[in-house]
């Protein structure tokens, strides 16, 4: 199927013919060899921004605020009981961060 201006081995000039021009192996690009599986479930276009107009205009602040959901926190951890007296090495009742660098002499 070669015409006078398109040789059989390639396209016009030094270009590839149409059957080879998008072959990923010929253009040394492996993107065309990757197969993408379709999603398991069909998803409807039921969210804002699915059309070009909505995407261009953007969602209003009122709609975005209405869609917000509060963060749900788990039950708070029980507070540990603080010691009855503060040790002299403690500051404002905060326990030390580990063993002392110096030997503490009990008096």
PDB file of N, CA and C in Angstrom:
ATOM      1  N   UNK A   1       0.822  -1.174   0.000  1.00  0.00           N
ATOM      2  CA  UNK A   1       0.000   0.000   0.000  1.00  0.00           C
ATOM      3  C   UNK A   1       0.872   1.245   0.000  1.00  0.00           C
ATOM      4  N   UNK A   2       1.917   1.216  -0.706  1.00  0.00           N
ATOM      5  CA  UNK A   2       2.815   2.358  -0.783  1.00  0.00           C
ATOM      6  C   UNK A   2       2.412   3.247  -1.943  1.00  0.00           C
ATOM      7  N   UNK A   3       2.305   4.526  -1.674  1.00  0.00           N
ATOM      8  CA  UNK A   3       2.029   5.473  -2.753  1.00  0.00           C
ATOM      9  C   UNK A   3       3.346   6.110  -3.160  1.00  0.00           C
ATOM     10  N   UNK A   4       3.287   7.012  -4.123  1.00  0.00           N
ATOM     11  CA  UNK A   4       4.520   7.611  -4.626  1.00  0.00           C
ATOM     12  C   UNK A   4       5.194   8.501  -3.585  1.00  0.00           C
ATOM     13  N   UNK A   5       4.429   9.230  -2.772  1.00  0.00           N
ATOM     14  CA  UNK A   5       5.034  10.145  -1.807  1.00  0.00           C
ATOM     15  C   UNK A   5       5.296   9.499  -0.448  1.00  0.00           C
ATOM     16  N   UNK A   6       4.761   8.287  -0.186  1.00  0.00           N
ATOM     17  CA  UNK A   6       4.983   7.605   1.081  1.00  0.00           C
ATOM     18  C   UNK A   6       5.603   6.242   0.796  1.00  0.00           C
ATOM     19  N   UNK A   7       6.904   6.070   1.057  1.00  0.00           N
ATOM     20  CA  UNK A   7       7.529   4.772   0.804  1.00  0.00           C
ATOM     21  C   UNK A   7       7.040   3.717   1.796  1.00  0.00           C
ATOM     22  N   UNK A   8       7.177   2.433   1.471  1.00  0.00           N
ATOM     23  CA  UNK A   8       6.694   1.329   2.302  1.00  0.00           C
ATOM     24  C   UNK A   8       7.445   1.235   3.616  1.00  0.00           C
ATOM     25  N   UNK A   9       8.716   1.611   3.644  1.00  0.00           N
ATOM     26  CA  UNK A   9       9.505   1.464   4.866  1.00  0.00           C
ATOM     27  C   UNK A   9       9.340   2.608   5.848  1.00  0.00           C
ATOM     28  N   UNK A  10       8.667   3.661   5.472  1.00  0.00           N
ATOM     29  CA  UNK A  10       8.492   4.771   6.396  1.00  0.00           C
ATOM     30  C   UNK A  10       7.546   5.799   5.843  1.00  0.00           C
ATOM     31  N   UNK A  11       7.393   6.887   6.584  1.00  0.00           N
ATOM     32  CA  UNK A  11       6.509   7.962   6.174  1.00  0.00           C
ATOM     33  C   UNK A  11       7.240   8.936   5.281  1.00  0.00           C
ATOM     34  N   UNK A  12       6.649  10.094   5.047  1.00  0.00           N
ATOM     35  CA  UNK A  12       7.301  11.095   4.205  1.00  0.00           C
ATOM     36  C   UNK A  12       8.603  11.565   4.850  1.00  0.00           C
ATOM     37  N   UNK A  13       9.633  11.659   4.053  1.00  0.00           N
ATOM     38  CA  UNK A  13      10.942  12.036   4.581  1.00  0.00           C
ATOM     39  C   UNK A  13      11.482  10.927   5.465  1.00  0.00           C
ATOM     40  N   UNK A  14      11.972  11.269   6.643  1.00  0.00           N
ATOM     41  CA  UNK A  14      12.507  10.278   7.581  1.00  0.00           C
ATOM     42  C   UNK A  14      11.527   9.938   8.695  1.00  0.00           C
ATOM     43  N   UNK A  15      10.246  10.223   8.516  1.00  0.00           N
ATOM     44  CA  UNK A  15       9.273   9.931   9.565  1.00  0.00           C
ATOM     45  C   UNK A  15       8.782   8.494   9.462  1.00  0.00           C
ATOM     46  N   UNK A  16       8.162   8.023  10.523  1.00  0.00           N
ATOM     47  CA  UNK A  16       7.613   6.671  10.544  1.00  0.00           C
ATOM     48  C   UNK A  16       6.290   6.640   9.798  1.00  0.00           C
ATOM     49  N   UNK A  17       5.949   5.463   9.280  1.00  0.00           N
ATOM     50  CA  UNK A  17       4.636   5.349   8.648  1.00  0.00           C
ATOM     51  C   UNK A  17       3.579   5.294   9.747  1.00  0.00           C
ATOM     52  N   UNK A  18       2.308   5.521   9.428  1.00  0.00           N
ATOM     53  CA  UNK A  18       1.277   5.612  10.465  1.00  0.00           C
ATOM     54  C   UNK A  18       1.165   4.387  11.356  1.00  0.00           C
ATOM     55  N   UNK A  19       1.418   3.195  10.844  1.00  0.00           N
ATOM     56  CA  UNK A  19       1.287   2.004  11.685  1.00  0.00           C
ATOM     57  C   UNK A  19       2.409   1.900  12.709  1.00  0.00           C
ATOM     58  N   UNK A  20       3.539   2.527  12.447  1.00  0.00           N
ATOM     59  CA  UNK A  20       4.664   2.471  13.382  1.00  0.00           C
ATOM     60  C   UNK A  20       4.783   3.711  14.255  1.00  0.00           C
ATOM     61  N   UNK A  21       4.093   4.773  13.915  1.00  0.00           N
ATOM     62  CA  UNK A  21       4.307   6.044  14.596  1.00  0.00           C
ATOM     63  C   UNK A  21       3.882   6.020  16.056  1.00  0.00           C
ATOM     64  N   UNK A  22       2.925   5.183  16.420  1.00  0.00           N
ATOM     65  CA  UNK A  22       2.495   5.130  17.811  1.00  0.00           C
ATOM     66  C   UNK A  22       2.885   3.834  18.501  1.00  0.00           C
ATOM     67  N   UNK A  23       3.686   3.013  17.859  1.00  0.00           N
ATOM     68  CA  UNK A  23       4.134   1.766  18.472  1.00  0.00           C
ATOM     69  C   UNK A  23       5.155   2.107  19.550  1.00  0.00           C
ATOM     70  N   UNK A  24       4.861   1.721  20.788  1.00  0.00           N
ATOM     71  CA  UNK A  24       5.729   2.104  21.901  1.00  0.00           C
ATOM     72  C   UNK A  24       7.113   1.489  21.790  1.00  0.00           C
ATOM     73  N   UNK A  25       7.236   0.336  21.152  1.00  0.00           N
ATOM     74  CA  UNK A  25       8.557  -0.269  20.995  1.00  0.00           C
ATOM     75  C   UNK A  25       9.401   0.493  19.984  1.00  0.00           C
ATOM     76  N   UNK A  26       8.771   1.049  18.973  1.00  0.00           N
ATOM     77  CA  UNK A  26       9.507   1.785  17.954  1.00  0.00           C
ATOM     78  C   UNK A  26       9.979   3.139  18.472  1.00  0.00           C
ATOM     79  N   UNK A  27       9.201   3.774  19.324  1.00  0.00           N
ATOM     80  CA  UNK A  27       9.598   5.082  19.845  1.00  0.00           C
ATOM     81  C   UNK A  27      10.351   4.962  21.163  1.00  0.00           C
ATOM     82  N   UNK A  28      10.684   3.738  21.544  1.00  0.00           N
ATOM     83  CA  UNK A  28      11.444   3.432  22.766  1.00  0.00           C
ATOM     84  C   UNK A  28      10.767   4.035  23.998  1.00  0.00           C
ATOM     85  N   UNK A  29       9.495   3.758  24.108  1.00  0.00           N
ATOM     86  CA  UNK A  29       8.700   4.258  25.211  1.00  0.00           C
ATOM     87  C   UNK A  29       7.838   3.104  25.692  1.00  0.00           C
ATOM     88  N   UNK A  30       7.945   2.748  26.955  1.00  0.00           N
ATOM     89  CA  UNK A  30       7.193   1.595  27.444  1.00  0.00           C
ATOM     90  C   UNK A  30       5.820   1.958  27.984  1.00  0.00           C
ATOM     91  N   UNK A  31       5.402   3.233  27.859  1.00  0.00           N
ATOM     92  CA  UNK A  31       4.095   3.625  28.385  1.00  0.00           C
ATOM     93  C   UNK A  31       2.948   2.898  27.697  1.00  0.00           C
ATOM     94  N   UNK A  32       3.087   2.595  26.416  1.00  0.00           N
ATOM     95  CA  UNK A  32       2.019   1.932  25.694  1.00  0.00           C
ATOM     96  C   UNK A  32       1.871   0.473  26.055  1.00  0.00           C
ATOM     97  N   UNK A  33       2.856  -0.106  26.710  1.00  0.00           N
ATOM     98  CA  UNK A  33       2.803  -1.519  27.052  1.00  0.00           C
ATOM     99  C   UNK A  33       2.122  -1.773  28.387  1.00  0.00           C
ATOM    100  N   UNK A  34       1.872  -0.742  29.145  1.00  0.00           N
ATOM    101  CA  UNK A  34       1.258  -0.899  30.458  1.00  0.00           C
ATOM    102  C   UNK A  34      -0.253  -1.028  30.285  1.00  0.00           C
ATOM    103  N   UNK A  35      -0.833  -2.047  30.886  1.00  0.00           N
ATOM    104  CA  UNK A  35      -2.269  -2.282  30.797  1.00  0.00           C
ATOM    105  C   UNK A  35      -2.916  -1.779  32.079  1.00  0.00           C
ATOM    106  N   UNK A  36      -3.980  -1.031  31.945  1.00  0.00           N
ATOM    107  CA  UNK A  36      -4.697  -0.509  33.099  1.00  0.00           C
ATOM    108  C   UNK A  36      -6.012  -1.256  33.214  1.00  0.00           C
ATOM    109  N   UNK A  37      -6.258  -1.829  34.375  1.00  0.00           N
ATOM    110  CA  UNK A  37      -7.511  -2.532  34.610  1.00  0.00           C
ATOM    111  C   UNK A  37      -8.602  -1.531  34.961  1.00  0.00           C
ATOM    112  N   UNK A  38      -9.817  -1.759  34.480  1.00  0.00           N
ATOM    113  CA  UNK A  38     -10.915  -0.860  34.841  1.00  0.00           C
ATOM    114  C   UNK A  38     -11.285  -1.058  36.304  1.00  0.00           C
ATOM    115  N   UNK A  39     -11.922  -0.082  36.920  1.00  0.00           N
ATOM    116  CA  UNK A  39     -12.332  -0.243  38.323  1.00  0.00           C
ATOM    117  C   UNK A  39     -13.367  -1.350  38.458  1.00  0.00           C
ATOM    118  N   UNK A  40     -13.440  -1.938  39.640  1.00  0.00           N
ATOM    119  CA  UNK A  40     -14.390  -3.020  39.886  1.00  0.00           C
ATOM    120  C   UNK A  40     -15.833  -2.532  39.857  1.00  0.00           C
ATOM    121  N   UNK A  41     -16.078  -1.347  40.372  1.00  0.00           N
ATOM    122  CA  UNK A  41     -17.432  -0.813  40.435  1.00  0.00           C
ATOM    123  C   UNK A  41     -17.530   0.454  39.608  1.00  0.00           C
ATOM    124  N   UNK A  42     -18.692   0.662  39.043  1.00  0.00           N
ATOM    125  CA  UNK A  42     -18.943   1.876  38.287  1.00  0.00           C
ATOM    126  C   UNK A  42     -19.199   3.006  39.263  1.00  0.00           C
ATOM    127  N   UNK A  43     -18.636   4.163  39.002  1.00  0.00           N
ATOM    128  CA  UNK A  43     -18.877   5.302  39.886  1.00  0.00           C
ATOM    129  C   UNK A  43     -19.594   6.393  39.095  1.00  0.00           C
ATOM    130  N   UNK A  44     -20.660   6.876  39.660  1.00  0.00           N
ATOM    131  CA  UNK A  44     -21.463   7.902  38.995  1.00  0.00           C
ATOM    132  C   UNK A  44     -20.814   9.266  39.157  1.00  0.00           C
ATOM    133  N   UNK A  45     -21.151  10.157  38.271  1.00  0.00           N
ATOM    134  CA  UNK A  45     -20.663  11.528  38.357  1.00  0.00           C
ATOM    135  C   UNK A  45     -21.600  12.300  39.273  1.00  0.00           C
ATOM    136  N   UNK A  46     -21.505  12.035  40.569  1.00  0.00           N
ATOM    137  CA  UNK A  46     -22.427  12.643  41.519  1.00  0.00           C
ATOM    138  C   UNK A  46     -21.750  13.646  42.438  1.00  0.00           C
ATOM    139  N   UNK A  47     -20.542  14.025  42.122  1.00  0.00           N
ATOM    140  CA  UNK A  47     -19.824  15.000  42.936  1.00  0.00           C
ATOM    141  C   UNK A  47     -19.672  16.290  42.146  1.00  0.00           C
ATOM    142  N   UNK A  48     -19.396  17.349  42.853  1.00  0.00           N
ATOM    143  CA  UNK A  48     -19.174  18.628  42.194  1.00  0.00           C
ATOM    144  C   UNK A  48     -17.833  18.586  41.476  1.00  0.00           C
ATOM    145  N   UNK A  49     -17.758  19.226  40.336  1.00  0.00           N
ATOM    146  CA  UNK A  49     -16.509  19.322  39.604  1.00  0.00           C
ATOM    147  C   UNK A  49     -16.333  18.252  38.549  1.00  0.00           C
ATOM    148  N   UNK A  50     -17.388  17.512  38.229  1.00  0.00           N
ATOM    149  CA  UNK A  50     -17.279  16.454  37.231  1.00  0.00           C
ATOM    150  C   UNK A  50     -17.443  16.990  35.810  1.00  0.00           C
ATOM    151  N   UNK A  51     -18.029  18.157  35.666  1.00  0.00           N
ATOM    152  CA  UNK A  51     -18.179  18.747  34.338  1.00  0.00           C
ATOM    153  C   UNK A  51     -17.127  19.833  34.160  1.00  0.00           C
ATOM    154  N   UNK A  52     -16.877  20.176  32.914  1.00  0.00           N
ATOM    155  CA  UNK A  52     -15.872  21.203  32.629  1.00  0.00           C
ATOM    156  C   UNK A  52     -16.292  22.548  33.214  1.00  0.00           C
ATOM    157  N   UNK A  53     -17.577  22.855  33.152  1.00  0.00           N
ATOM    158  CA  UNK A  53     -18.063  24.133  33.689  1.00  0.00           C
ATOM    159  C   UNK A  53     -17.853  24.201  35.199  1.00  0.00           C
ATOM    160  N   UNK A  54     -18.240  23.133  35.916  1.00  0.00           N
ATOM    161  CA  UNK A  54     -18.071  23.115  37.369  1.00  0.00           C
ATOM    162  C   UNK A  54     -16.595  23.186  37.742  1.00  0.00           C
ATOM    163  N   UNK A  55     -15.773  22.494  36.993  1.00  0.00           N
ATOM    164  CA  UNK A  55     -14.338  22.511  37.285  1.00  0.00           C
ATOM    165  C   UNK A  55     -13.760  23.903  37.070  1.00  0.00           C
ATOM    166  N   UNK A  56     -14.221  24.589  36.036  1.00  0.00           N
ATOM    167  CA  UNK A  56     -13.722  25.933  35.733  1.00  0.00           C
ATOM    168  C   UNK A  56     -14.205  26.959  36.758  1.00  0.00           C
ATOM    169  N   UNK A  57     -15.494  26.899  37.121  1.00  0.00           N
ATOM    170  CA  UNK A  57     -16.055  27.884  38.040  1.00  0.00           C
ATOM    171  C   UNK A  57     -15.632  27.645  39.482  1.00  0.00           C
ATOM    172  N   UNK A  58     -15.486  26.411  39.861  1.00  0.00           N
ATOM    173  CA  UNK A  58     -15.129  26.101  41.234  1.00  0.00           C
ATOM    174  C   UNK A  58     -16.359  26.046  42.127  1.00  0.00           C
ATOM    175  N   UNK A  59     -16.217  25.366  43.229  1.00  0.00           N
ATOM    176  CA  UNK A  59     -17.323  25.185  44.164  1.00  0.00           C
ATOM    177  C   UNK A  59     -17.420  26.403  45.081  1.00  0.00           C
ATOM    178  N   UNK A  60     -18.640  26.783  45.426  1.00  0.00           N
ATOM    179  CA  UNK A  60     -18.816  27.955  46.290  1.00  0.00           C
ATOM    180  C   UNK A  60     -18.352  27.625  47.710  1.00  0.00           C
ATOM    181  N   UNK A  61     -18.014  28.654  48.442  1.00  0.00           N
ATOM    182  CA  UNK A  61     -17.550  28.472  49.815  1.00  0.00           C
ATOM    183  C   UNK A  61     -18.643  27.866  50.685  1.00  0.00           C
ATOM    184  N   UNK A  62     -19.887  28.276  50.471  1.00  0.00           N
ATOM    185  CA  UNK A  62     -20.999  27.716  51.253  1.00  0.00           C
ATOM    186  C   UNK A  62     -21.135  26.214  51.020  1.00  0.00           C
ATOM    187  N   UNK A  63     -21.005  25.781  49.771  1.00  0.00           N
ATOM    188  CA  UNK A  63     -21.108  24.350  49.470  1.00  0.00           C
ATOM    189  C   UNK A  63     -19.940  23.582  50.073  1.00  0.00           C
ATOM    190  N   UNK A  64     -18.756  24.156  50.005  1.00  0.00           N
ATOM    191  CA  UNK A  64     -17.586  23.476  50.573  1.00  0.00           C
ATOM    192  C   UNK A  64     -17.699  23.366  52.083  1.00  0.00           C
ATOM    193  N   UNK A  65     -18.192  24.426  52.745  1.00  0.00           N
ATOM    194  CA  UNK A  65     -18.361  24.380  54.198  1.00  0.00           C
ATOM    195  C   UNK A  65     -19.454  23.396  54.596  1.00  0.00           C
ATOM    196  N   UNK A  66     -20.519  23.304  53.796  1.00  0.00           N
ATOM    197  CA  UNK A  66     -21.604  22.372  54.102  1.00  0.00           C
ATOM    198  C   UNK A  66     -21.140  20.922  53.987  1.00  0.00           C
ATOM    199  N   UNK A  67     -20.156  20.665  53.145  1.00  0.00           N
ATOM    200  CA  UNK A  67     -19.665  19.298  52.955  1.00  0.00           C
ATOM    201  C   UNK A  67     -18.665  18.884  54.029  1.00  0.00           C
ATOM    202  N   UNK A  68     -18.198  19.834  54.820  1.00  0.00           N
ATOM    203  CA  UNK A  68     -17.223  19.509  55.865  1.00  0.00           C
ATOM    204  C   UNK A  68     -17.840  18.623  56.931  1.00  0.00           C
ATOM    205  N   UNK A  69     -17.059  17.705  57.424  1.00  0.00           N
ATOM    206  CA  UNK A  69     -17.485  16.842  58.521  1.00  0.00           C
ATOM    207  C   UNK A  69     -16.494  17.011  59.663  1.00  0.00           C
ATOM    208  N   UNK A  70     -16.980  17.063  60.897  1.00  0.00           N
ATOM    209  CA  UNK A  70     -16.055  17.243  62.023  1.00  0.00           C
ATOM    210  C   UNK A  70     -15.182  16.004  62.210  1.00  0.00           C
ATOM    211  N   UNK A  71     -13.984  16.229  62.711  1.00  0.00           N
ATOM    212  CA  UNK A  71     -13.100  15.119  63.037  1.00  0.00           C
ATOM    213  C   UNK A  71     -13.677  14.375  64.228  1.00  0.00           C
ATOM    214  N   UNK A  72     -13.758  13.082  64.098  1.00  0.00           N
ATOM    215  CA  UNK A  72     -14.270  12.263  65.191  1.00  0.00           C
ATOM    216  C   UNK A  72     -13.072  11.706  65.941  1.00  0.00           C
ATOM    217  N   UNK A  73     -12.989  12.067  67.199  1.00  0.00           N
ATOM    218  CA  UNK A  73     -11.875  11.603  68.010  1.00  0.00           C
ATOM    219  C   UNK A  73     -12.300  10.386  68.801  1.00  0.00           C
ATOM    220  N   UNK A  74     -11.370   9.496  68.999  1.00  0.00           N
ATOM    221  CA  UNK A  74     -11.646   8.327  69.830  1.00  0.00           C
ATOM    222  C   UNK A  74     -11.777   8.790  71.281  1.00  0.00           C
ATOM    223  N   UNK A  75     -12.181   7.891  72.117  1.00  0.00           N
ATOM    224  CA  UNK A  75     -12.285   8.218  73.536  1.00  0.00           C
ATOM    225  C   UNK A  75     -10.940   8.754  74.017  1.00  0.00           C
ATOM    226  N   UNK A  76     -10.951   9.844  74.766  1.00  0.00           N
ATOM    227  CA  UNK A  76      -9.675  10.367  75.252  1.00  0.00           C
ATOM    228  C   UNK A  76      -9.016   9.376  76.206  1.00  0.00           C
ATOM    229  N   UNK A  77      -7.716   9.337  76.138  1.00  0.00           N
ATOM    230  CA  UNK A  77      -6.971   8.442  77.023  1.00  0.00           C
ATOM    231  C   UNK A  77      -7.157   8.908  78.463  1.00  0.00           C
ATOM    232  N   UNK A  78      -7.301   7.974  79.389  1.00  0.00           N
ATOM    233  CA  UNK A  78      -7.472   8.388  80.786  1.00  0.00           C
ATOM    234  C   UNK A  78      -6.216   9.102  81.286  1.00  0.00           C
ATOM    235  N   UNK A  79      -6.450  10.140  82.046  1.00  0.00           N
ATOM    236  CA  UNK A  79      -5.323  10.891  82.589  1.00  0.00           C
ATOM    237  C   UNK A  79      -4.640  10.076  83.680  1.00  0.00           C
ATOM    238  N   UNK A  80      -3.330  10.101  83.642  1.00  0.00           N
ATOM    239  CA  UNK A  80      -2.588   9.409  84.694  1.00  0.00           C
ATOM    240  C   UNK A  80      -2.635  10.270  85.950  1.00  0.00           C
ATOM    241  N   UNK A  81      -2.702   9.607  87.056  1.00  0.00           N
ATOM    242  CA  UNK A  81      -2.737  10.366  88.299  1.00  0.00           C
ATOM    243  C   UNK A  81      -1.372  10.978  88.557  1.00  0.00           C
ATOM    244  N   UNK A  82      -1.405  12.231  88.919  1.00  0.00           N
ATOM    245  CA  UNK A  82      -0.168  12.928  89.233  1.00  0.00           C
ATOM    246  C   UNK A  82       0.250  12.576  90.656  1.00  0.00           C
ATOM    247  N   UNK A  83       1.540  12.574  90.923  1.00  0.00           N
ATOM    248  CA  UNK A  83       1.979  12.281  92.290  1.00  0.00           C
ATOM    249  C   UNK A  83       1.482  13.365  93.248  1.00  0.00           C
ATOM    250  N   UNK A  84       1.328  12.986  94.511  1.00  0.00           N
ATOM    251  CA  UNK A  84       0.827  13.910  95.516  1.00  0.00           C
ATOM    252  C   UNK A  84       1.760  15.081  95.749  1.00  0.00           C
ATOM    253  N   UNK A  85       3.053  14.829  95.746  1.00  0.00           N
ATOM    254  CA  UNK A  85       4.024  15.900  95.959  1.00  0.00           C
ATOM    255  C   UNK A  85       4.953  15.956  94.765  1.00  0.00           C
ATOM    256  N   UNK A  86       5.407  17.123  94.468  1.00  0.00           N
ATOM    257  CA  UNK A  86       6.382  17.270  93.396  1.00  0.00           C
ATOM    258  C   UNK A  86       7.770  17.030  93.960  1.00  0.00           C
ATOM    259  N   UNK A  87       8.564  16.265  93.245  1.00  0.00           N
ATOM    260  CA  UNK A  87       9.954  16.033  93.634  1.00  0.00           C
ATOM    261  C   UNK A  87      10.719  17.312  93.373  1.00  0.00           C
ATOM    262  N   UNK A  88      11.790  17.537  94.103  1.00  0.00           N
ATOM    263  CA  UNK A  88      12.523  18.794  93.937  1.00  0.00           C
ATOM    264  C   UNK A  88      13.156  18.905  92.553  1.00  0.00           C
ATOM    265  N   UNK A  89      13.311  17.776  91.854  1.00  0.00           N
ATOM    266  CA  UNK A  89      13.854  17.827  90.494  1.00  0.00           C
ATOM    267  C   UNK A  89      12.786  18.079  89.445  1.00  0.00           C
ATOM    268  N   UNK A  90      11.531  18.149  89.887  1.00  0.00           N
ATOM    269  CA  UNK A  90      10.447  18.373  88.938  1.00  0.00           C
ATOM    270  C   UNK A  90      10.141  19.857  88.826  1.00  0.00           C
ATOM    271  N   UNK A  91       9.726  20.242  87.632  1.00  0.00           N
ATOM    272  CA  UNK A  91       9.341  21.618  87.394  1.00  0.00           C
ATOM    273  C   UNK A  91       7.843  21.624  87.110  1.00  0.00           C
ATOM    274  N   UNK A  92       7.093  22.342  87.908  1.00  0.00           N
ATOM    275  CA  UNK A  92       5.645  22.469  87.743  1.00  0.00           C
ATOM    276  C   UNK A  92       4.949  21.118  87.679  1.00  0.00           C
ATOM    277  N   UNK A  93       5.415  20.156  88.430  1.00  0.00           N
ATOM    278  CA  UNK A  93       4.775  18.854  88.473  1.00  0.00           C
ATOM    279  C   UNK A  93       5.071  17.968  87.282  1.00  0.00           C
ATOM    280  N   UNK A  94       5.934  18.399  86.379  1.00  0.00           N
ATOM    281  CA  UNK A  94       6.273  17.600  85.209  1.00  0.00           C
ATOM    282  C   UNK A  94       7.338  16.585  85.588  1.00  0.00           C
ATOM    283  N   UNK A  95       7.123  15.302  85.314  1.00  0.00           N
ATOM    284  CA  UNK A  95       8.144  14.316  85.668  1.00  0.00           C
ATOM    285  C   UNK A  95       9.390  14.495  84.819  1.00  0.00           C
ATOM    286  N   UNK A  96      10.489  14.023  85.339  1.00  0.00           N
ATOM    287  CA  UNK A  96      11.742  14.126  84.602  1.00  0.00           C
ATOM    288  C   UNK A  96      11.687  13.243  83.371  1.00  0.00           C
ATOM    289  N   UNK A  97      12.527  13.533  82.411  1.00  0.00           N
ATOM    290  CA  UNK A  97      12.545  12.787  81.162  1.00  0.00           C
ATOM    291  C   UNK A  97      13.443  11.566  81.224  1.00  0.00           C
ATOM    292  N   UNK A  98      13.764  11.084  82.358  1.00  0.00           N
ATOM    293  CA  UNK A  98      14.619   9.906  82.453  1.00  0.00           C
ATOM    294  C   UNK A  98      15.529  10.009  83.649  1.00  0.00           C
ATOM    295  N   UNK A  99      16.534   9.152  83.662  1.00  0.00           N
ATOM    296  CA  UNK A  99      17.477   9.150  84.771  1.00  0.00           C
ATOM    297  C   UNK A  99      18.313  10.418  84.759  1.00  0.00           C
ATOM    298  N   UNK A 100      18.730  10.812  85.946  1.00  0.00           N
ATOM    299  CA  UNK A 100      19.541  12.006  86.086  1.00  0.00           C
ATOM    300  C   UNK A 100      20.944  11.741  85.568  1.00  0.00           C
ATOM    301  N   UNK A 101      21.583  12.781  85.073  1.00  0.00           N
ATOM    302  CA  UNK A 101      22.968  12.650  84.638  1.00  0.00           C
ATOM    303  C   UNK A 101      23.918  12.588  85.833  1.00  0.00           C
ATOM    304  N   UNK A 102      23.449  13.065  86.964  1.00  0.00           N
ATOM    305  CA  UNK A 102      24.275  13.107  88.160  1.00  0.00           C
ATOM    306  C   UNK A 102      23.670  12.200  89.216  1.00  0.00           C
ATOM    307  N   UNK A 103      24.516  11.739  90.121  1.00  0.00           N
ATOM    308  CA  UNK A 103      24.026  10.927  91.229  1.00  0.00           C
ATOM    309  C   UNK A 103      23.254  11.823  92.188  1.00  0.00           C
ATOM    310  N   UNK A 104      22.067  11.388  92.557  1.00  0.00           N
ATOM    311  CA  UNK A 104      21.238  12.142  93.486  1.00  0.00           C
ATOM    312  C   UNK A 104      21.451  11.550  94.868  1.00  0.00           C
ATOM    313  N   UNK A 105      21.895  12.407  95.789  1.00  0.00           N
ATOM    314  CA  UNK A 105      22.141  11.964  97.157  1.00  0.00           C
ATOM    315  C   UNK A 105      20.892  12.244  97.967  1.00  0.00           C
ATOM    316  N   UNK A 106      20.318  11.190  98.518  1.00  0.00           N
ATOM    317  CA  UNK A 106      19.130  11.346  99.348  1.00  0.00           C
ATOM    318  C   UNK A 106      19.569  11.820 100.724  1.00  0.00           C
ATOM    319  N   UNK A 107      18.960  12.821 101.283  1.00  0.00           N
ATOM    320  CA  UNK A 107      19.314  13.324 102.604  1.00  0.00           C
ATOM    321  C   UNK A 107      18.299  12.945 103.615  1.00  0.00           C
TER     322      UNK A 107
END
